[in-house]
Amino acid sequence: MKNLKSHSALSLLTLIFLFISVSIFGQKYAYVDTEYILDNIPEFQDAQDELDDLSERWQKEIEKSYGQVEDMYKKYQAEAVLLPDDLKRKREDEIIAKEQEVKTLQSKYFGPEGDLYKKRQELVQPIQEKVYNAIETIATTRNFAFVFDKAGGMTLLWVNPKFDISDDVLDEVGNVMQTVKREQRTRGDK
């Protein structure tokens, strides 16, 4: 009787293992290279160029302001021996205030919730959502259980190119982009 119970349990475990194996190994999968996809979407490159221009302009403004702080400090050092204590403190406070102003400006532009981050969200996120939606559409229509991103830091030693759906995603994004442009034209948008 004990032998029969252990045999039944072993048979049940074997059946469960076989069922799980068939379920896992029977899944279809594909991969994409989002870096390749985004590099081939002109709107993404335009957005990147705009972000780079903004970043460069703001960085020059910050550097110029830090240069002003440095000039104020050099001037203060040169005159400090001749200044009375109250005027020294006043100049020191002005330098500290100017430096704090520049740090605040730098945080406003480049901070975690700064203007550059907000602009990136405004310009890039809609494109990324279109790519994701295209991936989801293709994965759903072709019954893929998994779609991996080759560019996302996942290490692939070898992949069969027949599972690369990156060009299909570009086609789908292109279809979506064409529809959006058509809708904008009918509304009179640019």
N, C-alpha and C. Protein backbone atom coordinates (compact mmCIF):
# COMPACT_ATOMS: atom_id res chain seq x y z
N MET A 1 0.81 -1.18 0.00
CA MET A 1 0.00 0.00 0.00
C MET A 1 0.86 1.25 0.00
N LYS A 2 1.89 1.27 0.82
CA LYS A 2 2.81 2.39 0.90
C LYS A 2 3.53 2.56 -0.43
N ASN A 3 3.91 1.45 -1.05
CA ASN A 3 4.58 1.46 -2.34
C ASN A 3 3.67 2.05 -3.42
N LEU A 4 2.40 1.73 -3.36
CA LEU A 4 1.41 2.22 -4.33
C LEU A 4 1.22 3.73 -4.19
N LYS A 5 1.21 4.24 -2.97
CA LYS A 5 1.06 5.68 -2.74
C LYS A 5 2.28 6.43 -3.27
N SER A 6 3.47 5.93 -3.00
CA SER A 6 4.67 6.61 -3.48
C SER A 6 4.76 6.54 -5.00
N HIS A 7 4.30 5.42 -5.58
CA HIS A 7 4.28 5.28 -7.04
C HIS A 7 3.27 6.27 -7.66
N SER A 8 2.11 6.44 -7.02
CA SER A 8 1.09 7.39 -7.50
C SER A 8 1.60 8.82 -7.40
N ALA A 9 2.27 9.12 -6.30
CA ALA A 9 2.83 10.46 -6.12
C ALA A 9 3.91 10.75 -7.17
N LEU A 10 4.74 9.75 -7.42
CA LEU A 10 5.79 9.89 -8.43
C LEU A 10 5.18 10.08 -9.82
N SER A 11 4.14 9.33 -10.12
CA SER A 11 3.46 9.46 -11.41
C SER A 11 2.83 10.84 -11.54
N LEU A 12 2.21 11.33 -10.48
CA LEU A 12 1.60 12.65 -10.49
C LEU A 12 2.64 13.74 -10.71
N LEU A 13 3.77 13.64 -10.01
CA LEU A 13 4.86 14.61 -10.19
C LEU A 13 5.40 14.57 -11.62
N THR A 14 5.53 13.40 -12.18
CA THR A 14 6.01 13.27 -13.56
C THR A 14 5.04 13.93 -14.53
N LEU A 15 3.75 13.70 -14.33
CA LEU A 15 2.74 14.33 -15.18
C LEU A 15 2.78 15.85 -15.08
N ILE A 16 2.91 16.36 -13.87
CA ILE A 16 3.00 17.82 -13.68
C ILE A 16 4.24 18.37 -14.37
N PHE A 17 5.37 17.69 -14.21
CA PHE A 17 6.60 18.12 -14.86
C PHE A 17 6.45 18.13 -16.38
N LEU A 18 5.86 17.10 -16.93
CA LEU A 18 5.64 17.04 -18.38
C LEU A 18 4.72 18.16 -18.86
N PHE A 19 3.66 18.42 -18.11
CA PHE A 19 2.73 19.49 -18.47
C PHE A 19 3.43 20.85 -18.46
N ILE A 20 4.22 21.11 -17.42
CA ILE A 20 4.95 22.37 -17.32
C ILE A 20 5.97 22.47 -18.44
N SER A 21 6.68 21.41 -18.72
CA SER A 21 7.69 21.41 -19.79
C SER A 21 7.06 21.73 -21.13
N VAL A 22 5.94 21.09 -21.43
CA VAL A 22 5.26 21.34 -22.70
C VAL A 22 4.78 22.79 -22.76
N SER A 23 4.27 23.29 -21.64
CA SER A 23 3.78 24.67 -21.61
C SER A 23 4.91 25.66 -21.82
N ILE A 24 6.02 25.44 -21.16
CA ILE A 24 7.15 26.37 -21.27
C ILE A 24 7.82 26.27 -22.63
N PHE A 25 8.13 25.06 -23.06
CA PHE A 25 8.89 24.91 -24.29
C PHE A 25 8.02 25.08 -25.53
N GLY A 26 6.73 25.05 -25.40
CA GLY A 26 5.83 25.22 -26.52
C GLY A 26 5.56 26.69 -26.84
N GLN A 27 6.10 27.59 -26.04
CA GLN A 27 5.87 29.02 -26.24
C GLN A 27 6.71 29.56 -27.39
N LYS A 28 6.12 30.48 -28.14
CA LYS A 28 6.86 31.16 -29.20
C LYS A 28 7.48 32.42 -28.61
N TYR A 29 8.63 32.77 -29.11
CA TYR A 29 9.31 33.96 -28.62
C TYR A 29 9.96 34.68 -29.79
N ALA A 30 10.28 35.95 -29.55
CA ALA A 30 10.95 36.76 -30.55
C ALA A 30 11.82 37.76 -29.81
N TYR A 31 12.61 38.49 -30.55
CA TYR A 31 13.39 39.54 -29.94
C TYR A 31 13.38 40.76 -30.85
N VAL A 32 13.65 41.90 -30.25
CA VAL A 32 13.78 43.15 -30.99
C VAL A 32 15.05 43.83 -30.54
N ASP A 33 15.50 44.76 -31.34
CA ASP A 33 16.62 45.62 -30.99
C ASP A 33 16.08 47.05 -30.97
N THR A 34 15.68 47.52 -29.79
CA THR A 34 15.05 48.84 -29.70
C THR A 34 16.00 49.95 -30.11
N GLU A 35 17.29 49.75 -29.89
CA GLU A 35 18.26 50.76 -30.33
C GLU A 35 18.20 50.92 -31.85
N TYR A 36 18.18 49.80 -32.56
CA TYR A 36 18.07 49.80 -34.02
C TYR A 36 16.75 50.43 -34.45
N ILE A 37 15.68 50.07 -33.78
CA ILE A 37 14.36 50.59 -34.14
C ILE A 37 14.33 52.12 -33.96
N LEU A 38 14.75 52.59 -32.80
CA LEU A 38 14.72 54.03 -32.54
C LEU A 38 15.65 54.80 -33.48
N ASP A 39 16.80 54.21 -33.80
CA ASP A 39 17.72 54.87 -34.74
C ASP A 39 17.13 55.00 -36.14
N ASN A 40 16.13 54.20 -36.45
CA ASN A 40 15.52 54.23 -37.77
C ASN A 40 14.17 54.94 -37.78
N ILE A 41 13.85 55.65 -36.73
CA ILE A 41 12.64 56.47 -36.67
C ILE A 41 13.09 57.93 -36.71
N PRO A 42 12.84 58.62 -37.82
CA PRO A 42 13.31 60.00 -37.96
C PRO A 42 12.84 60.92 -36.83
N GLU A 43 11.63 60.74 -36.34
CA GLU A 43 11.11 61.59 -35.27
C GLU A 43 11.94 61.44 -34.00
N PHE A 44 12.46 60.23 -33.76
CA PHE A 44 13.28 60.00 -32.58
C PHE A 44 14.60 60.76 -32.71
N GLN A 45 15.21 60.71 -33.90
CA GLN A 45 16.47 61.42 -34.11
C GLN A 45 16.25 62.93 -33.98
N ASP A 46 15.13 63.42 -34.50
CA ASP A 46 14.80 64.85 -34.36
C ASP A 46 14.66 65.23 -32.89
N ALA A 47 14.01 64.38 -32.12
CA ALA A 47 13.84 64.63 -30.69
C ALA A 47 15.19 64.63 -29.99
N GLN A 48 16.05 63.67 -30.33
CA GLN A 48 17.39 63.61 -29.73
C GLN A 48 18.19 64.86 -30.06
N ASP A 49 18.11 65.31 -31.33
CA ASP A 49 18.83 66.51 -31.74
C ASP A 49 18.35 67.73 -30.94
N GLU A 50 17.03 67.84 -30.77
CA GLU A 50 16.48 68.97 -30.01
C GLU A 50 16.94 68.92 -28.56
N LEU A 51 16.94 67.73 -27.97
CA LEU A 51 17.40 67.59 -26.59
C LEU A 51 18.89 67.92 -26.46
N ASP A 52 19.68 67.48 -27.42
CA ASP A 52 21.12 67.78 -27.40
C ASP A 52 21.36 69.28 -27.50
N ASP A 53 20.61 69.96 -28.38
CA ASP A 53 20.75 71.42 -28.53
C ASP A 53 20.38 72.15 -27.24
N LEU A 54 19.27 71.75 -26.63
CA LEU A 54 18.86 72.36 -25.37
C LEU A 54 19.91 72.14 -24.29
N SER A 55 20.38 70.92 -24.18
CA SER A 55 21.37 70.57 -23.18
C SER A 55 22.65 71.40 -23.35
N GLU A 56 23.09 71.51 -24.60
CA GLU A 56 24.31 72.28 -24.87
C GLU A 56 24.11 73.76 -24.54
N ARG A 57 22.97 74.32 -24.91
CA ARG A 57 22.69 75.74 -24.64
C ARG A 57 22.64 75.99 -23.13
N TRP A 58 21.94 75.11 -22.40
CA TRP A 58 21.84 75.29 -20.96
C TRP A 58 23.18 75.08 -20.27
N GLN A 59 23.98 74.14 -20.77
CA GLN A 59 25.29 73.90 -20.17
C GLN A 59 26.19 75.13 -20.35
N LYS A 60 26.13 75.76 -21.51
CA LYS A 60 26.92 76.98 -21.74
C LYS A 60 26.49 78.09 -20.79
N GLU A 61 25.18 78.21 -20.57
CA GLU A 61 24.66 79.22 -19.65
C GLU A 61 25.17 78.97 -18.23
N ILE A 62 25.18 77.73 -17.82
CA ILE A 62 25.66 77.36 -16.47
C ILE A 62 27.16 77.67 -16.35
N GLU A 63 27.93 77.26 -17.38
CA GLU A 63 29.37 77.51 -17.34
C GLU A 63 29.67 79.01 -17.29
N LYS A 64 28.91 79.80 -18.04
CA LYS A 64 29.10 81.26 -18.02
C LYS A 64 28.81 81.81 -16.62
N SER A 65 27.76 81.32 -16.00
CA SER A 65 27.41 81.78 -14.65
C SER A 65 28.47 81.37 -13.63
N TYR A 66 28.99 80.14 -13.74
CA TYR A 66 30.07 79.73 -12.84
C TYR A 66 31.32 80.58 -13.08
N GLY A 67 31.54 80.98 -14.32
CA GLY A 67 32.65 81.88 -14.63
C GLY A 67 32.49 83.22 -13.92
N GLN A 68 31.25 83.71 -13.86
CA GLN A 68 30.98 84.96 -13.14
C GLN A 68 31.27 84.80 -11.65
N VAL A 69 30.91 83.67 -11.09
CA VAL A 69 31.18 83.40 -9.67
C VAL A 69 32.69 83.38 -9.45
N GLU A 70 33.41 82.74 -10.34
CA GLU A 70 34.87 82.67 -10.21
C GLU A 70 35.50 84.06 -10.32
N ASP A 71 35.00 84.87 -11.25
CA ASP A 71 35.50 86.24 -11.38
C ASP A 71 35.22 87.05 -10.12
N MET A 72 34.03 86.89 -9.56
CA MET A 72 33.70 87.60 -8.32
C MET A 72 34.65 87.20 -7.20
N TYR A 73 34.96 85.90 -7.12
CA TYR A 73 35.84 85.40 -6.07
C TYR A 73 37.27 85.92 -6.25
N LYS A 74 37.77 85.92 -7.50
CA LYS A 74 39.13 86.44 -7.76
C LYS A 74 39.23 87.91 -7.42
N LYS A 75 38.20 88.67 -7.79
CA LYS A 75 38.18 90.10 -7.48
C LYS A 75 38.16 90.31 -5.97
N TYR A 76 37.37 89.50 -5.28
CA TYR A 76 37.29 89.57 -3.83
C TYR A 76 38.65 89.27 -3.19
N GLN A 77 39.32 88.23 -3.69
CA GLN A 77 40.63 87.88 -3.14
C GLN A 77 41.64 89.00 -3.33
N ALA A 78 41.58 89.64 -4.48
CA ALA A 78 42.53 90.71 -4.76
C ALA A 78 42.28 91.92 -3.87
N GLU A 79 41.03 92.18 -3.52
CA GLU A 79 40.69 93.37 -2.75
C GLU A 79 40.52 93.09 -1.26
N ALA A 80 40.51 91.86 -0.84
CA ALA A 80 40.17 91.49 0.54
C ALA A 80 41.05 92.17 1.58
N VAL A 81 42.32 92.32 1.31
CA VAL A 81 43.23 92.91 2.31
C VAL A 81 42.91 94.38 2.57
N LEU A 82 42.29 95.03 1.60
CA LEU A 82 41.98 96.45 1.75
C LEU A 82 40.57 96.72 2.25
N LEU A 83 39.74 95.70 2.29
CA LEU A 83 38.33 95.88 2.65
C LEU A 83 38.11 95.77 4.16
N PRO A 84 37.22 96.62 4.69
CA PRO A 84 36.83 96.46 6.10
C PRO A 84 36.01 95.17 6.27
N ASP A 85 35.91 94.69 7.49
CA ASP A 85 35.26 93.40 7.77
C ASP A 85 33.81 93.35 7.28
N ASP A 86 33.06 94.43 7.49
CA ASP A 86 31.65 94.39 7.08
C ASP A 86 31.52 94.30 5.55
N LEU A 87 32.40 94.94 4.81
CA LEU A 87 32.38 94.87 3.35
C LEU A 87 32.85 93.49 2.86
N LYS A 88 33.79 92.90 3.58
CA LYS A 88 34.24 91.53 3.25
C LYS A 88 33.07 90.56 3.36
N ARG A 89 32.34 90.65 4.50
CA ARG A 89 31.20 89.76 4.68
C ARG A 89 30.14 89.98 3.60
N LYS A 90 29.93 91.22 3.24
CA LYS A 90 28.95 91.52 2.21
C LYS A 90 29.35 90.87 0.87
N ARG A 91 30.62 91.01 0.51
CA ARG A 91 31.11 90.40 -0.74
C ARG A 91 31.05 88.88 -0.69
N GLU A 92 31.43 88.32 0.45
CA GLU A 92 31.36 86.86 0.61
C GLU A 92 29.92 86.38 0.45
N ASP A 93 28.99 87.09 1.07
CA ASP A 93 27.57 86.73 0.95
C ASP A 93 27.09 86.84 -0.49
N GLU A 94 27.56 87.84 -1.22
CA GLU A 94 27.18 88.00 -2.63
C GLU A 94 27.70 86.83 -3.47
N ILE A 95 28.94 86.42 -3.19
CA ILE A 95 29.53 85.29 -3.92
C ILE A 95 28.76 84.02 -3.62
N ILE A 96 28.47 83.79 -2.35
CA ILE A 96 27.73 82.59 -1.94
C ILE A 96 26.33 82.59 -2.57
N ALA A 97 25.69 83.74 -2.56
CA ALA A 97 24.34 83.85 -3.15
C ALA A 97 24.37 83.58 -4.65
N LYS A 98 25.37 84.13 -5.33
CA LYS A 98 25.48 83.92 -6.78
C LYS A 98 25.75 82.44 -7.08
N GLU A 99 26.63 81.81 -6.29
CA GLU A 99 26.92 80.40 -6.49
C GLU A 99 25.68 79.54 -6.24
N GLN A 100 24.90 79.89 -5.22
CA GLN A 100 23.67 79.16 -4.93
C GLN A 100 22.66 79.35 -6.07
N GLU A 101 22.62 80.54 -6.63
CA GLU A 101 21.73 80.83 -7.76
C GLU A 101 22.09 79.95 -8.96
N VAL A 102 23.38 79.79 -9.22
CA VAL A 102 23.83 78.96 -10.33
C VAL A 102 23.50 77.49 -10.07
N LYS A 103 23.71 77.03 -8.84
CA LYS A 103 23.38 75.64 -8.50
C LYS A 103 21.88 75.38 -8.65
N THR A 104 21.07 76.35 -8.27
CA THR A 104 19.62 76.22 -8.42
C THR A 104 19.24 76.15 -9.89
N LEU A 105 19.86 76.99 -10.71
CA LEU A 105 19.61 76.98 -12.15
C LEU A 105 20.03 75.64 -12.76
N GLN A 106 21.17 75.13 -12.33
CA GLN A 106 21.66 73.84 -12.82
C GLN A 106 20.68 72.73 -12.46
N SER A 107 20.17 72.75 -11.26
CA SER A 107 19.20 71.75 -10.83
C SER A 107 17.89 71.91 -11.61
N LYS A 108 17.50 73.15 -11.88
CA LYS A 108 16.28 73.40 -12.64
C LYS A 108 16.38 72.80 -14.04
N TYR A 109 17.53 72.92 -14.67
CA TYR A 109 17.72 72.40 -16.02
C TYR A 109 17.99 70.90 -16.04
N PHE A 110 18.92 70.45 -15.18
CA PHE A 110 19.44 69.09 -15.29
C PHE A 110 19.09 68.16 -14.14
N GLY A 111 18.31 68.62 -13.18
CA GLY A 111 17.95 67.80 -12.03
C GLY A 111 17.04 66.64 -12.41
N PRO A 112 16.80 65.74 -11.47
CA PRO A 112 15.98 64.55 -11.73
C PRO A 112 14.57 64.88 -12.27
N GLU A 113 14.01 65.98 -11.88
CA GLU A 113 12.71 66.43 -12.38
C GLU A 113 12.86 67.76 -13.13
N GLY A 114 14.05 68.00 -13.66
CA GLY A 114 14.36 69.26 -14.31
C GLY A 114 13.76 69.41 -15.70
N ASP A 115 14.05 70.55 -16.29
CA ASP A 115 13.50 70.89 -17.61
C ASP A 115 13.92 69.90 -18.69
N LEU A 116 15.17 69.44 -18.64
CA LEU A 116 15.64 68.48 -19.65
C LEU A 116 14.88 67.16 -19.52
N TYR A 117 14.67 66.71 -18.31
CA TYR A 117 13.91 65.48 -18.08
C TYR A 117 12.48 65.64 -18.60
N LYS A 118 11.85 66.76 -18.30
CA LYS A 118 10.48 67.01 -18.75
C LYS A 118 10.40 67.08 -20.27
N LYS A 119 11.39 67.72 -20.89
CA LYS A 119 11.40 67.83 -22.34
C LYS A 119 11.61 66.45 -22.97
N ARG A 120 12.46 65.64 -22.37
CA ARG A 120 12.69 64.28 -22.86
C ARG A 120 11.39 63.47 -22.78
N GLN A 121 10.68 63.61 -21.67
CA GLN A 121 9.39 62.93 -21.52
C GLN A 121 8.43 63.38 -22.61
N GLU A 122 8.40 64.67 -22.86
CA GLU A 122 7.48 65.23 -23.85
C GLU A 122 7.80 64.74 -25.26
N LEU A 123 9.09 64.68 -25.61
CA LEU A 123 9.48 64.37 -26.98
C LEU A 123 9.67 62.87 -27.24
N VAL A 124 10.27 62.16 -26.31
CA VAL A 124 10.68 60.78 -26.55
C VAL A 124 9.64 59.76 -26.10
N GLN A 125 8.97 60.03 -24.99
CA GLN A 125 8.02 59.04 -24.47
C GLN A 125 6.93 58.66 -25.46
N PRO A 126 6.33 59.60 -26.21
CA PRO A 126 5.31 59.19 -27.18
C PRO A 126 5.86 58.24 -28.26
N ILE A 127 7.10 58.45 -28.66
CA ILE A 127 7.72 57.57 -29.65
C ILE A 127 7.95 56.19 -29.05
N GLN A 128 8.44 56.15 -27.81
CA GLN A 128 8.65 54.88 -27.14
C GLN A 128 7.34 54.12 -26.94
N GLU A 129 6.27 54.85 -26.65
CA GLU A 129 4.97 54.21 -26.50
C GLU A 129 4.49 53.62 -27.83
N LYS A 130 4.74 54.31 -28.93
CA LYS A 130 4.36 53.79 -30.25
C LYS A 130 5.14 52.50 -30.55
N VAL A 131 6.41 52.48 -30.21
CA VAL A 131 7.23 51.29 -30.42
C VAL A 131 6.69 50.14 -29.55
N TYR A 132 6.42 50.44 -28.29
CA TYR A 132 5.88 49.39 -27.40
C TYR A 132 4.55 48.87 -27.93
N ASN A 133 3.68 49.78 -28.35
CA ASN A 133 2.37 49.35 -28.88
C ASN A 133 2.53 48.50 -30.14
N ALA A 134 3.49 48.86 -30.99
CA ALA A 134 3.76 48.06 -32.20
C ALA A 134 4.26 46.67 -31.82
N ILE A 135 5.14 46.60 -30.83
CA ILE A 135 5.64 45.30 -30.35
C ILE A 135 4.48 44.47 -29.81
N GLU A 136 3.63 45.10 -29.02
CA GLU A 136 2.49 44.39 -28.43
C GLU A 136 1.54 43.89 -29.53
N THR A 137 1.29 44.71 -30.55
CA THR A 137 0.41 44.31 -31.65
C THR A 137 0.97 43.09 -32.38
N ILE A 138 2.25 43.16 -32.73
CA ILE A 138 2.88 42.04 -33.45
C ILE A 138 2.92 40.79 -32.58
N ALA A 139 3.29 40.96 -31.32
CA ALA A 139 3.37 39.80 -30.42
C ALA A 139 2.00 39.15 -30.24
N THR A 140 0.97 39.95 -30.17
CA THR A 140 -0.38 39.42 -30.01
C THR A 140 -0.85 38.71 -31.26
N THR A 141 -0.67 39.35 -32.42
CA THR A 141 -1.16 38.74 -33.67
C THR A 141 -0.38 37.49 -34.04
N ARG A 142 0.89 37.42 -33.66
CA ARG A 142 1.70 36.24 -33.99
C ARG A 142 1.79 35.24 -32.85
N ASN A 143 1.10 35.51 -31.78
CA ASN A 143 1.05 34.62 -30.62
C ASN A 143 2.41 34.37 -29.98
N PHE A 144 3.20 35.42 -29.82
CA PHE A 144 4.47 35.29 -29.12
C PHE A 144 4.19 35.38 -27.63
N ALA A 145 4.80 34.50 -26.87
CA ALA A 145 4.66 34.55 -25.42
C ALA A 145 5.65 35.54 -24.83
N PHE A 146 6.82 35.67 -25.46
CA PHE A 146 7.86 36.55 -24.95
C PHE A 146 8.48 37.31 -26.11
N VAL A 147 8.80 38.58 -25.86
CA VAL A 147 9.59 39.37 -26.81
C VAL A 147 10.72 39.99 -25.99
N PHE A 148 11.92 39.65 -26.32
CA PHE A 148 13.09 40.15 -25.60
C PHE A 148 13.67 41.35 -26.34
N ASP A 149 14.30 42.24 -25.59
CA ASP A 149 14.97 43.39 -26.18
C ASP A 149 16.47 43.13 -26.15
N LYS A 150 17.03 42.96 -27.32
CA LYS A 150 18.46 42.69 -27.45
C LYS A 150 19.29 43.89 -27.00
N ALA A 151 18.77 45.11 -27.19
CA ALA A 151 19.52 46.31 -26.85
C ALA A 151 19.41 46.66 -25.37
N GLY A 152 18.52 46.05 -24.66
CA GLY A 152 18.26 46.41 -23.27
C GLY A 152 19.23 45.84 -22.27
N GLY A 153 20.41 45.44 -22.69
CA GLY A 153 21.40 44.92 -21.77
C GLY A 153 21.32 43.41 -21.62
N MET A 154 20.38 42.78 -22.31
CA MET A 154 20.28 41.33 -22.26
C MET A 154 21.41 40.74 -23.11
N THR A 155 22.12 39.82 -22.57
CA THR A 155 23.21 39.23 -23.31
C THR A 155 22.71 38.03 -24.10
N LEU A 156 22.90 38.09 -25.39
CA LEU A 156 22.55 36.98 -26.26
C LEU A 156 23.82 36.48 -26.93
N LEU A 157 24.13 35.23 -26.72
CA LEU A 157 25.32 34.69 -27.37
C LEU A 157 25.04 34.33 -28.82
N TRP A 158 23.84 33.91 -29.10
CA TRP A 158 23.45 33.57 -30.47
C TRP A 158 21.94 33.66 -30.56
N VAL A 159 21.48 34.20 -31.67
CA VAL A 159 20.04 34.23 -31.91
C VAL A 159 19.80 33.89 -33.37
N ASN A 160 18.70 33.25 -33.60
CA ASN A 160 18.30 32.95 -34.96
C ASN A 160 17.62 34.19 -35.52
N PRO A 161 18.13 34.74 -36.62
CA PRO A 161 17.57 35.98 -37.16
C PRO A 161 16.10 35.88 -37.55
N LYS A 162 15.58 34.68 -37.71
CA LYS A 162 14.18 34.56 -38.09
C LYS A 162 13.24 35.02 -36.97
N PHE A 163 13.76 35.13 -35.75
CA PHE A 163 12.94 35.59 -34.63
C PHE A 163 13.08 37.09 -34.38
N ASP A 164 13.88 37.79 -35.19
CA ASP A 164 14.04 39.24 -35.03
C ASP A 164 12.86 39.94 -35.70
N ILE A 165 12.05 40.60 -34.90
CA ILE A 165 10.88 41.29 -35.44
C ILE A 165 11.08 42.81 -35.45
N SER A 166 12.32 43.27 -35.36
CA SER A 166 12.61 44.71 -35.32
C SER A 166 12.07 45.43 -36.55
N ASP A 167 12.30 44.88 -37.75
CA ASP A 167 11.80 45.52 -38.96
C ASP A 167 10.27 45.53 -39.00
N ASP A 168 9.65 44.49 -38.48
CA ASP A 168 8.19 44.46 -38.41
C ASP A 168 7.67 45.57 -37.50
N VAL A 169 8.39 45.79 -36.38
CA VAL A 169 8.00 46.86 -35.46
C VAL A 169 8.15 48.21 -36.16
N LEU A 170 9.25 48.38 -36.90
CA LEU A 170 9.42 49.64 -37.66
C LEU A 170 8.27 49.84 -38.65
N ASP A 171 7.89 48.77 -39.34
CA ASP A 171 6.76 48.87 -40.28
C ASP A 171 5.48 49.26 -39.53
N GLU A 172 5.25 48.63 -38.40
CA GLU A 172 4.04 48.92 -37.62
C GLU A 172 4.07 50.35 -37.09
N VAL A 173 5.23 50.80 -36.59
CA VAL A 173 5.36 52.18 -36.12
C VAL A 173 5.15 53.13 -37.29
N GLY A 174 5.69 52.78 -38.45
CA GLY A 174 5.49 53.61 -39.65
C GLY A 174 4.03 53.72 -40.00
N ASN A 175 3.29 52.62 -39.90
CA ASN A 175 1.86 52.66 -40.16
C ASN A 175 1.15 53.56 -39.16
N VAL A 176 1.54 53.46 -37.90
CA VAL A 176 0.96 54.30 -36.87
C VAL A 176 1.31 55.76 -37.12
N MET A 177 2.59 56.02 -37.45
CA MET A 177 3.04 57.39 -37.69
C MET A 177 2.32 57.98 -38.90
N GLN A 178 2.13 57.18 -39.94
CA GLN A 178 1.43 57.66 -41.14
C GLN A 178 -0.02 58.02 -40.78
N THR A 179 -0.66 57.19 -39.98
CA THR A 179 -2.03 57.46 -39.56
C THR A 179 -2.10 58.75 -38.75
N VAL A 180 -1.15 58.94 -37.83
CA VAL A 180 -1.12 60.15 -37.01
C VAL A 180 -0.91 61.38 -37.89
N LYS A 181 0.03 61.29 -38.83
CA LYS A 181 0.28 62.43 -39.74
C LYS A 181 -0.96 62.73 -40.57
N ARG A 182 -1.63 61.68 -41.04
CA ARG A 182 -2.84 61.87 -41.84
C ARG A 182 -3.91 62.57 -41.00
N GLU A 183 -4.07 62.14 -39.75
CA GLU A 183 -5.05 62.76 -38.85
C GLU A 183 -4.70 64.21 -38.57
N GLN A 184 -3.40 64.51 -38.39
CA GLN A 184 -2.97 65.87 -38.15
C GLN A 184 -3.27 66.76 -39.35
N ARG A 185 -3.04 66.23 -40.56
CA ARG A 185 -3.32 67.01 -41.77
C ARG A 185 -4.81 67.32 -41.88
N THR A 186 -5.65 66.36 -41.55
CA THR A 186 -7.09 66.60 -41.67
C THR A 186 -7.57 67.61 -40.63
N ARG A 187 -6.88 67.69 -39.48
CA ARG A 187 -7.23 68.69 -38.46
C ARG A 187 -6.56 70.02 -38.74
N GLY A 188 -5.56 70.03 -39.63
CA GLY A 188 -4.83 71.27 -39.93
C GLY A 188 -3.61 71.48 -39.07
N ASP A 189 -3.20 70.45 -38.30
CA ASP A 189 -1.97 70.54 -37.50
C ASP A 189 -0.77 70.37 -38.39
N LYS A 190 0.39 70.69 -37.88
CA LYS A 190 1.64 70.46 -38.61
C LYS A 190 2.32 69.25 -38.08
